[in-house]
Amino acid sequence: MTQTKRVIGYHILITILVLASSVLALLLLCHVPVGPIGHAINTGLWLFFVADYFIRWAITKNRKWFLIENAFDLLGIIPMHPAFALFRLGRLVQYIRAHHLFWHLGLSGKWTKNFHRFVYDTGFIYLFTISVGIICISAWLFSIVEHQTLSQSMWWAVTTATTVGYGDDSPKTAWGKMIATALMLGGVGFIGLLTSTITEFFTDRTGAADEQQQQHDALMKQLAQLTSEVDRLSKQVDKLKK
């Protein structure tokens, strides 16, 4: 079997497992009974993706770039909540780009360039990963000091970091209040940076589009003037010939 066929086979296997884990995660999120077998399969898939991630990290030459390029894979192996399994779908986007499936499907490459520029060039992926990391660590610590489940702690951490604060759950211990304070400060900072990054990206795109439109209008005006000048000179030449 050639190297190319092995890579394609590996990508097909990962695609099937990613889709299976995503479907299972959605079932768990919707509280659909999956039974002991379903939970065992979910645990097995998680162990597979954990091993896959660290093996790829160990054999890669540029580990720093690997961490950046595969940030969604890292988020996808966080075992705190089934929703994190949905981050594994980012792997499919990588394969679609690697095999140029957008081009084969007749989709413009401009969309993929804009997506890559938004996720990586603007620093969105770094801010998003740090924000999720802060929320997960805070939820884990909160569950320990407040003796709550991870799912309840995750809900508390999300509402606290986004400054929503429904008030249905609040820290009772001194350590819990310290964690909440740190999370609120970090949440305001990084959520604000995320919002400003998204706003700046679309603002820059709008500004660039307006500038291109202005340049297009100026070129069309110059073209019209040149056409008029050519017509005038053509008439003068006709008169001279007569």
C-alpha atoms as a PDB file:
ATOM      1  CA  MET A   1       0.000   0.000   0.000  1.00  0.00           C
ATOM      2  CA  THR A   2       1.425   3.373  -0.984  1.00  0.00           C
ATOM      3  CA  GLN A   3       1.865   6.274   1.422  1.00  0.00           C
ATOM      4  CA  THR A   4      -0.927   8.221  -0.273  1.00  0.00           C
ATOM      5  CA  LYS A   5      -3.403   5.356   0.110  1.00  0.00           C
ATOM      6  CA  ARG A   6      -2.473   4.946   3.787  1.00  0.00           C
ATOM      7  CA  VAL A   7      -3.059   8.661   4.408  1.00  0.00           C
ATOM      8  CA  ILE A   8      -6.410   8.572   2.616  1.00  0.00           C
ATOM      9  CA  GLY A   9      -7.435   5.469   4.566  1.00  0.00           C
ATOM     10  CA  TYR A  10      -6.453   7.150   7.840  1.00  0.00           C
ATOM     11  CA  HIS A  11      -8.455  10.255   6.922  1.00  0.00           C
ATOM     12  CA  ILE A  12     -11.509   8.144   6.065  1.00  0.00           C
ATOM     13  CA  LEU A  13     -11.237   6.302   9.393  1.00  0.00           C
ATOM     14  CA  ILE A  14     -10.945   9.565  11.344  1.00  0.00           C
ATOM     15  CA  THR A  15     -13.886  11.043   9.431  1.00  0.00           C
ATOM     16  CA  ILE A  16     -16.102   8.069  10.327  1.00  0.00           C
ATOM     17  CA  LEU A  17     -15.073   8.191  13.995  1.00  0.00           C
ATOM     18  CA  VAL A  18     -15.513  11.978  14.187  1.00  0.00           C
ATOM     19  CA  LEU A  19     -19.032  11.729  12.775  1.00  0.00           C
ATOM     20  CA  ALA A  20     -19.858   8.825  15.109  1.00  0.00           C
ATOM     21  CA  SER A  21     -18.576  10.680  18.176  1.00  0.00           C
ATOM     22  CA  SER A  22     -20.451  13.848  17.160  1.00  0.00           C
ATOM     23  CA  VAL A  23     -23.726  11.960  16.749  1.00  0.00           C
ATOM     24  CA  LEU A  24     -23.200  10.273  20.116  1.00  0.00           C
ATOM     25  CA  ALA A  25     -22.378  13.631  21.728  1.00  0.00           C
ATOM     26  CA  LEU A  26     -25.593  15.150  20.359  1.00  0.00           C
ATOM     27  CA  LEU A  27     -27.587  12.213  21.739  1.00  0.00           C
ATOM     28  CA  LEU A  28     -26.016  12.722  25.170  1.00  0.00           C
ATOM     29  CA  LEU A  29     -26.634  16.471  25.020  1.00  0.00           C
ATOM     30  CA  CYS A  30     -30.295  15.825  24.208  1.00  0.00           C
ATOM     31  CA  HIS A  31     -30.488  13.339  27.109  1.00  0.00           C
ATOM     32  CA  VAL A  32     -31.344  10.468  24.794  1.00  0.00           C
ATOM     33  CA  PRO A  33     -30.698   7.149  26.603  1.00  0.00           C
ATOM     34  CA  VAL A  34     -27.721   5.398  24.993  1.00  0.00           C
ATOM     35  CA  GLY A  35     -27.273   2.685  27.593  1.00  0.00           C
ATOM     36  CA  PRO A  36     -24.015   1.222  28.932  1.00  0.00           C
ATOM     37  CA  ILE A  37     -22.897   0.265  25.424  1.00  0.00           C
ATOM     38  CA  GLY A  38     -23.271   3.849  24.214  1.00  0.00           C
ATOM     39  CA  HIS A  39     -21.270   5.206  27.127  1.00  0.00           C
ATOM     40  CA  ALA A  40     -18.603   2.542  26.580  1.00  0.00           C
ATOM     41  CA  ILE A  41     -18.351   3.486  22.897  1.00  0.00           C
ATOM     42  CA  ASN A  42     -18.124   7.169  23.847  1.00  0.00           C
ATOM     43  CA  THR A  43     -15.285   6.425  26.271  1.00  0.00           C
ATOM     44  CA  GLY A  44     -13.511   4.291  23.674  1.00  0.00           C
ATOM     45  CA  LEU A  45     -13.756   7.050  21.072  1.00  0.00           C
ATOM     46  CA  TRP A  46     -12.409   9.568  23.566  1.00  0.00           C
ATOM     47  CA  LEU A  47      -9.436   7.333  24.389  1.00  0.00           C
ATOM     48  CA  PHE A  48      -8.760   6.876  20.659  1.00  0.00           C
ATOM     49  CA  PHE A  49      -8.722  10.608  19.965  1.00  0.00           C
ATOM     50  CA  VAL A  50      -6.548  11.274  23.017  1.00  0.00           C
ATOM     51  CA  ALA A  51      -3.993   8.705  21.832  1.00  0.00           C
ATOM     52  CA  ASP A  52      -4.225   9.994  18.255  1.00  0.00           C
ATOM     53  CA  TYR A  53      -3.592  13.586  19.353  1.00  0.00           C
ATOM     54  CA  PHE A  54      -0.554  12.852  21.511  1.00  0.00           C
ATOM     55  CA  ILE A  55       0.966  10.438  18.990  1.00  0.00           C
ATOM     56  CA  ARG A  56       0.713  13.075  16.264  1.00  0.00           C
ATOM     57  CA  TRP A  57       2.135  15.662  18.663  1.00  0.00           C
ATOM     58  CA  ALA A  58       5.066  13.369  19.553  1.00  0.00           C
ATOM     59  CA  ILE A  59       6.085  12.609  15.954  1.00  0.00           C
ATOM     60  CA  THR A  60       5.624  16.084  14.499  1.00  0.00           C
ATOM     61  CA  LYS A  61       8.705  18.187  13.791  1.00  0.00           C
ATOM     62  CA  ASN A  62       7.182  21.556  14.676  1.00  0.00           C
ATOM     63  CA  ARG A  63       5.269  21.005  17.906  1.00  0.00           C
ATOM     64  CA  LYS A  64       4.511  24.688  18.437  1.00  0.00           C
ATOM     65  CA  TRP A  65       2.804  24.942  15.059  1.00  0.00           C
ATOM     66  CA  PHE A  66       1.025  21.637  15.754  1.00  0.00           C
ATOM     67  CA  LEU A  67      -0.528  23.073  18.910  1.00  0.00           C
ATOM     68  CA  ILE A  68      -1.735  26.112  16.963  1.00  0.00           C
ATOM     69  CA  GLU A  69      -2.996  24.232  13.916  1.00  0.00           C
ATOM     70  CA  ASN A  70      -4.757  21.562  15.993  1.00  0.00           C
ATOM     71  CA  ALA A  71      -6.269  23.690  18.745  1.00  0.00           C
ATOM     72  CA  PHE A  72      -9.760  22.357  18.024  1.00  0.00           C
ATOM     73  CA  ASP A  73      -8.444  18.785  18.351  1.00  0.00           C
ATOM     74  CA  LEU A  74      -7.162  19.634  21.828  1.00  0.00           C
ATOM     75  CA  LEU A  75     -10.537  21.083  22.789  1.00  0.00           C
ATOM     76  CA  GLY A  76     -12.200  17.969  21.379  1.00  0.00           C
ATOM     77  CA  ILE A  77     -10.520  15.669  23.904  1.00  0.00           C
ATOM     78  CA  ILE A  78     -11.532  17.627  27.008  1.00  0.00           C
ATOM     79  CA  PRO A  79     -13.590  15.044  28.947  1.00  0.00           C
ATOM     80  CA  MET A  80     -15.622  17.500  31.008  1.00  0.00           C
ATOM     81  CA  HIS A  81     -18.741  17.659  28.830  1.00  0.00           C
ATOM     82  CA  PRO A  82     -20.082  15.858  25.710  1.00  0.00           C
ATOM     83  CA  ALA A  83     -20.290  19.198  23.883  1.00  0.00           C
ATOM     84  CA  PHE A  84     -16.491  19.309  23.590  1.00  0.00           C
ATOM     85  CA  ALA A  85     -16.631  16.299  21.265  1.00  0.00           C
ATOM     86  CA  LEU A  86     -18.193  18.561  18.635  1.00  0.00           C
ATOM     87  CA  PHE A  87     -14.871  20.396  18.317  1.00  0.00           C
ATOM     88  CA  ARG A  88     -13.587  17.248  16.595  1.00  0.00           C
ATOM     89  CA  LEU A  89     -15.553  18.337  13.528  1.00  0.00           C
ATOM     90  CA  GLY A  90     -12.767  20.840  12.944  1.00  0.00           C
ATOM     91  CA  ARG A  91     -10.704  17.854  11.824  1.00  0.00           C
ATOM     92  CA  LEU A  92     -13.046  17.402   8.863  1.00  0.00           C
ATOM     93  CA  VAL A  93     -12.431  21.001   7.780  1.00  0.00           C
ATOM     94  CA  GLN A  94      -8.700  20.262   7.742  1.00  0.00           C
ATOM     95  CA  TYR A  95      -9.257  17.207   5.529  1.00  0.00           C
ATOM     96  CA  ILE A  96     -11.564  19.141   3.209  1.00  0.00           C
ATOM     97  CA  ARG A  97      -8.837  21.741   2.755  1.00  0.00           C
ATOM     98  CA  ALA A  98      -6.083  19.117   2.429  1.00  0.00           C
ATOM     99  CA  HIS A  99      -7.899  17.258  -0.339  1.00  0.00           C
ATOM    100  CA  HIS A 100      -9.159  20.463  -2.027  1.00  0.00           C
ATOM    101  CA  LEU A 101     -12.745  19.260  -1.751  1.00  0.00           C
ATOM    102  CA  PHE A 102     -14.072  22.819  -1.884  1.00  0.00           C
ATOM    103  CA  TRP A 103     -12.468  23.173  -5.314  1.00  0.00           C
ATOM    104  CA  HIS A 104     -13.847  19.806  -6.450  1.00  0.00           C
ATOM    105  CA  LEU A 105     -17.296  20.840  -5.253  1.00  0.00           C
ATOM    106  CA  GLY A 106     -17.054  24.018  -7.294  1.00  0.00           C
ATOM    107  CA  LEU A 107     -16.794  26.318  -4.280  1.00  0.00           C
ATOM    108  CA  SER A 108     -14.574  29.354  -4.504  1.00  0.00           C
ATOM    109  CA  GLY A 109     -11.191  29.286  -2.828  1.00  0.00           C
ATOM    110  CA  LYS A 110     -11.861  32.828  -1.630  1.00  0.00           C
ATOM    111  CA  TRP A 111     -14.162  31.471   1.078  1.00  0.00           C
ATOM    112  CA  THR A 112     -11.489  29.149   2.475  1.00  0.00           C
ATOM    113  CA  LYS A 113      -8.909  31.960   2.434  1.00  0.00           C
ATOM    114  CA  ASN A 114     -11.261  34.254   4.345  1.00  0.00           C
ATOM    115  CA  PHE A 115     -12.020  31.466   6.829  1.00  0.00           C
ATOM    116  CA  HIS A 116      -8.318  30.785   7.414  1.00  0.00           C
ATOM    117  CA  ARG A 117      -7.601  34.508   7.760  1.00  0.00           C
ATOM    118  CA  PHE A 118     -10.428  34.898  10.280  1.00  0.00           C
ATOM    119  CA  VAL A 119      -9.484  31.876  12.395  1.00  0.00           C
ATOM    120  CA  TYR A 120      -5.688  32.101  12.352  1.00  0.00           C
ATOM    121  CA  ASP A 121      -4.439  35.453  11.046  1.00  0.00           C
ATOM    122  CA  THR A 122      -6.652  37.488  13.379  1.00  0.00           C
ATOM    123  CA  GLY A 123      -5.617  35.410  16.384  1.00  0.00           C
ATOM    124  CA  PHE A 124      -9.195  34.228  16.952  1.00  0.00           C
ATOM    125  CA  ILE A 125      -8.148  30.606  17.467  1.00  0.00           C
ATOM    126  CA  TYR A 126      -5.669  31.564  20.205  1.00  0.00           C
ATOM    127  CA  LEU A 127      -8.138  33.760  22.096  1.00  0.00           C
ATOM    128  CA  PHE A 128     -10.888  31.173  21.733  1.00  0.00           C
ATOM    129  CA  THR A 129      -8.658  28.353  23.003  1.00  0.00           C
ATOM    130  CA  ILE A 130      -7.442  30.398  25.975  1.00  0.00           C
ATOM    131  CA  SER A 131     -11.011  31.429  26.817  1.00  0.00           C
ATOM    132  CA  VAL A 132     -12.247  27.820  26.710  1.00  0.00           C
ATOM    133  CA  GLY A 133      -9.232  26.747  28.766  1.00  0.00           C
ATOM    134  CA  ILE A 134      -9.970  29.343  31.457  1.00  0.00           C
ATOM    135  CA  ILE A 135     -13.623  28.285  31.588  1.00  0.00           C
ATOM    136  CA  CYS A 136     -12.746  24.568  31.829  1.00  0.00           C
ATOM    137  CA  ILE A 137     -10.140  25.019  34.551  1.00  0.00           C
ATOM    138  CA  SER A 138     -12.458  27.293  36.529  1.00  0.00           C
ATOM    139  CA  ALA A 139     -15.322  24.813  36.192  1.00  0.00           C
ATOM    140  CA  TRP A 140     -13.097  21.943  37.332  1.00  0.00           C
ATOM    141  CA  LEU A 141     -11.845  23.854  40.386  1.00  0.00           C
ATOM    142  CA  PHE A 142     -15.360  25.075  41.169  1.00  0.00           C
ATOM    143  CA  SER A 143     -16.703  21.523  41.089  1.00  0.00           C
ATOM    144  CA  ILE A 144     -14.055  20.479  43.626  1.00  0.00           C
ATOM    145  CA  VAL A 145     -14.441  23.310  46.152  1.00  0.00           C
ATOM    146  CA  GLU A 146     -18.241  23.582  45.811  1.00  0.00           C
ATOM    147  CA  HIS A 147     -18.877  19.813  45.550  1.00  0.00           C
ATOM    148  CA  GLN A 148     -20.907  20.060  42.353  1.00  0.00           C
ATOM    149  CA  THR A 149     -20.994  18.006  39.184  1.00  0.00           C
ATOM    150  CA  LEU A 150     -18.820  18.992  36.240  1.00  0.00           C
ATOM    151  CA  SER A 151     -21.836  19.726  34.054  1.00  0.00           C
ATOM    152  CA  GLN A 152     -23.313  22.093  36.664  1.00  0.00           C
ATOM    153  CA  SER A 153     -19.916  23.720  37.172  1.00  0.00           C
ATOM    154  CA  MET A 154     -19.466  24.134  33.424  1.00  0.00           C
ATOM    155  CA  TRP A 155     -22.834  25.890  33.145  1.00  0.00           C
ATOM    156  CA  TRP A 156     -21.870  28.160  36.045  1.00  0.00           C
ATOM    157  CA  ALA A 157     -18.485  28.945  34.467  1.00  0.00           C
ATOM    158  CA  VAL A 158     -20.006  29.826  31.087  1.00  0.00           C
ATOM    159  CA  THR A 159     -22.646  32.135  32.567  1.00  0.00           C
ATOM    160  CA  THR A 160     -20.055  33.762  34.825  1.00  0.00           C
ATOM    161  CA  ALA A 161     -17.420  34.267  32.111  1.00  0.00           C
ATOM    162  CA  THR A 162     -19.968  35.828  29.763  1.00  0.00           C
ATOM    163  CA  THR A 163     -21.177  38.068  32.641  1.00  0.00           C
ATOM    164  CA  VAL A 164     -24.726  36.719  32.210  1.00  0.00           C
ATOM    165  CA  GLY A 165     -24.935  35.396  35.744  1.00  0.00           C
ATOM    166  CA  TYR A 166     -28.432  33.965  36.013  1.00  0.00           C
ATOM    167  CA  GLY A 167     -27.991  33.621  39.770  1.00  0.00           C
ATOM    168  CA  ASP A 168     -29.306  30.060  39.880  1.00  0.00           C
ATOM    169  CA  ASP A 169     -25.916  28.931  41.135  1.00  0.00           C
ATOM    170  CA  SER A 170     -23.405  30.927  43.143  1.00  0.00           C
ATOM    171  CA  PRO A 171     -20.278  30.079  45.154  1.00  0.00           C
ATOM    172  CA  LYS A 172     -20.707  29.469  48.875  1.00  0.00           C
ATOM    173  CA  THR A 173     -17.095  28.936  49.970  1.00  0.00           C
ATOM    174  CA  ALA A 174     -14.242  31.440  50.082  1.00  0.00           C
ATOM    175  CA  TRP A 175     -12.281  29.444  47.488  1.00  0.00           C
ATOM    176  CA  GLY A 176     -15.328  29.362  45.245  1.00  0.00           C
ATOM    177  CA  LYS A 177     -15.698  33.138  45.434  1.00  0.00           C
ATOM    178  CA  MET A 178     -12.009  33.599  44.599  1.00  0.00           C
ATOM    179  CA  ILE A 179     -12.407  31.332  41.553  1.00  0.00           C
ATOM    180  CA  ALA A 180     -15.524  33.263  40.515  1.00  0.00           C
ATOM    181  CA  THR A 181     -13.688  36.585  40.822  1.00  0.00           C
ATOM    182  CA  ALA A 182     -10.760  35.371  38.726  1.00  0.00           C
ATOM    183  CA  LEU A 183     -13.135  33.924  36.146  1.00  0.00           C
ATOM    184  CA  MET A 184     -15.147  37.149  35.895  1.00  0.00           C
ATOM    185  CA  LEU A 185     -11.979  39.198  35.354  1.00  0.00           C
ATOM    186  CA  GLY A 186     -10.603  36.736  32.820  1.00  0.00           C
ATOM    187  CA  GLY A 187     -13.988  36.299  31.179  1.00  0.00           C
ATOM    188  CA  VAL A 188     -14.525  40.020  30.678  1.00  0.00           C
ATOM    189  CA  GLY A 189     -11.022  40.386  29.256  1.00  0.00           C
ATOM    190  CA  PHE A 190     -10.948  37.484  26.830  1.00  0.00           C
ATOM    191  CA  ILE A 191     -14.618  37.588  25.819  1.00  0.00           C
ATOM    192  CA  GLY A 192     -14.110  41.296  25.097  1.00  0.00           C
ATOM    193  CA  LEU A 193     -11.036  40.502  22.998  1.00  0.00           C
ATOM    194  CA  LEU A 194     -12.984  37.843  21.099  1.00  0.00           C
ATOM    195  CA  THR A 195     -15.814  40.274  20.389  1.00  0.00           C
ATOM    196  CA  SER A 196     -13.443  43.027  19.267  1.00  0.00           C
ATOM    197  CA  THR A 197     -11.549  40.573  17.031  1.00  0.00           C
ATOM    198  CA  ILE A 198     -14.744  39.484  15.286  1.00  0.00           C
ATOM    199  CA  THR A 199     -15.940  43.089  14.938  1.00  0.00           C
ATOM    200  CA  GLU A 200     -12.582  44.254  13.597  1.00  0.00           C
ATOM    201  CA  PHE A 201     -12.490  41.439  11.042  1.00  0.00           C
ATOM    202  CA  PHE A 202     -15.865  42.287   9.552  1.00  0.00           C
ATOM    203  CA  THR A 203     -15.185  46.026   9.781  1.00  0.00           C
ATOM    204  CA  ASP A 204     -11.945  45.583   7.841  1.00  0.00           C
ATOM    205  CA  ARG A 205     -13.774  43.492   5.240  1.00  0.00           C
ATOM    206  CA  THR A 206     -16.442  46.194   4.871  1.00  0.00           C
ATOM    207  CA  GLY A 207     -13.794  48.897   4.599  1.00  0.00           C
ATOM    208  CA  ALA A 208     -11.853  46.880   2.017  1.00  0.00           C
ATOM    209  CA  ALA A 209     -15.035  46.288   0.016  1.00  0.00           C
ATOM    210  CA  ASP A 210     -15.841  50.016   0.059  1.00  0.00           C
ATOM    211  CA  GLU A 211     -12.301  50.850  -1.043  1.00  0.00           C
ATOM    212  CA  GLN A 212     -12.490  48.330  -3.893  1.00  0.00           C
ATOM    213  CA  GLN A 213     -15.823  49.797  -4.957  1.00  0.00           C
ATOM    214  CA  GLN A 214     -14.353  53.290  -4.976  1.00  0.00           C
ATOM    215  CA  GLN A 215     -11.394  52.103  -7.044  1.00  0.00           C
ATOM    216  CA  HIS A 216     -13.766  50.340  -9.430  1.00  0.00           C
ATOM    217  CA  ASP A 217     -15.890  53.497  -9.826  1.00  0.00           C
ATOM    218  CA  ALA A 218     -12.764  55.600 -10.450  1.00  0.00           C
ATOM    219  CA  LEU A 219     -11.524  53.161 -13.111  1.00  0.00           C
ATOM    220  CA  MET A 220     -14.923  53.112 -14.812  1.00  0.00           C
ATOM    221  CA  LYS A 221     -14.949  56.907 -14.841  1.00  0.00           C
ATOM    222  CA  GLN A 222     -11.476  57.012 -16.374  1.00  0.00           C
ATOM    223  CA  LEU A 223     -12.518  54.394 -18.918  1.00  0.00           C
ATOM    224  CA  ALA A 224     -15.551  56.458 -19.866  1.00  0.00           C
ATOM    225  CA  GLN A 225     -13.370  59.547 -20.290  1.00  0.00           C
ATOM    226  CA  LEU A 226     -10.891  57.627 -22.438  1.00  0.00           C
ATOM    227  CA  THR A 227     -13.706  56.231 -24.566  1.00  0.00           C
ATOM    228  CA  SER A 228     -15.101  59.720 -25.062  1.00  0.00           C
ATOM    229  CA  GLU A 229     -11.650  61.018 -25.986  1.00  0.00           C
ATOM    230  CA  VAL A 230     -11.136  58.183 -28.470  1.00  0.00           C
ATOM    231  CA  ASP A 231     -14.512  58.959 -30.080  1.00  0.00           C
ATOM    232  CA  ARG A 232     -13.590  62.647 -30.368  1.00  0.00           C
ATOM    233  CA  LEU A 233     -10.223  61.877 -31.928  1.00  0.00           C
ATOM    234  CA  SER A 234     -11.829  59.381 -34.300  1.00  0.00           C
ATOM    235  CA  LYS A 235     -14.244  62.064 -35.536  1.00  0.00           C
ATOM    236  CA  GLN A 236     -11.383  64.494 -36.087  1.00  0.00           C
ATOM    237  CA  VAL A 237      -9.480  61.903 -38.113  1.00  0.00           C
ATOM    238  CA  ASP A 238     -12.561  61.275 -40.242  1.00  0.00           C
ATOM    239  CA  LYS A 239     -12.857  65.014 -40.919  1.00  0.00           C
ATOM    240  CA  LEU A 240      -9.189  65.240 -41.930  1.00  0.00           C
ATOM    241  CA  LYS A 241      -9.612  62.345 -44.348  1.00  0.00           C
ATOM    242  CA  LYS A 242     -12.462  64.180 -46.072  1.00  0.00           C
END
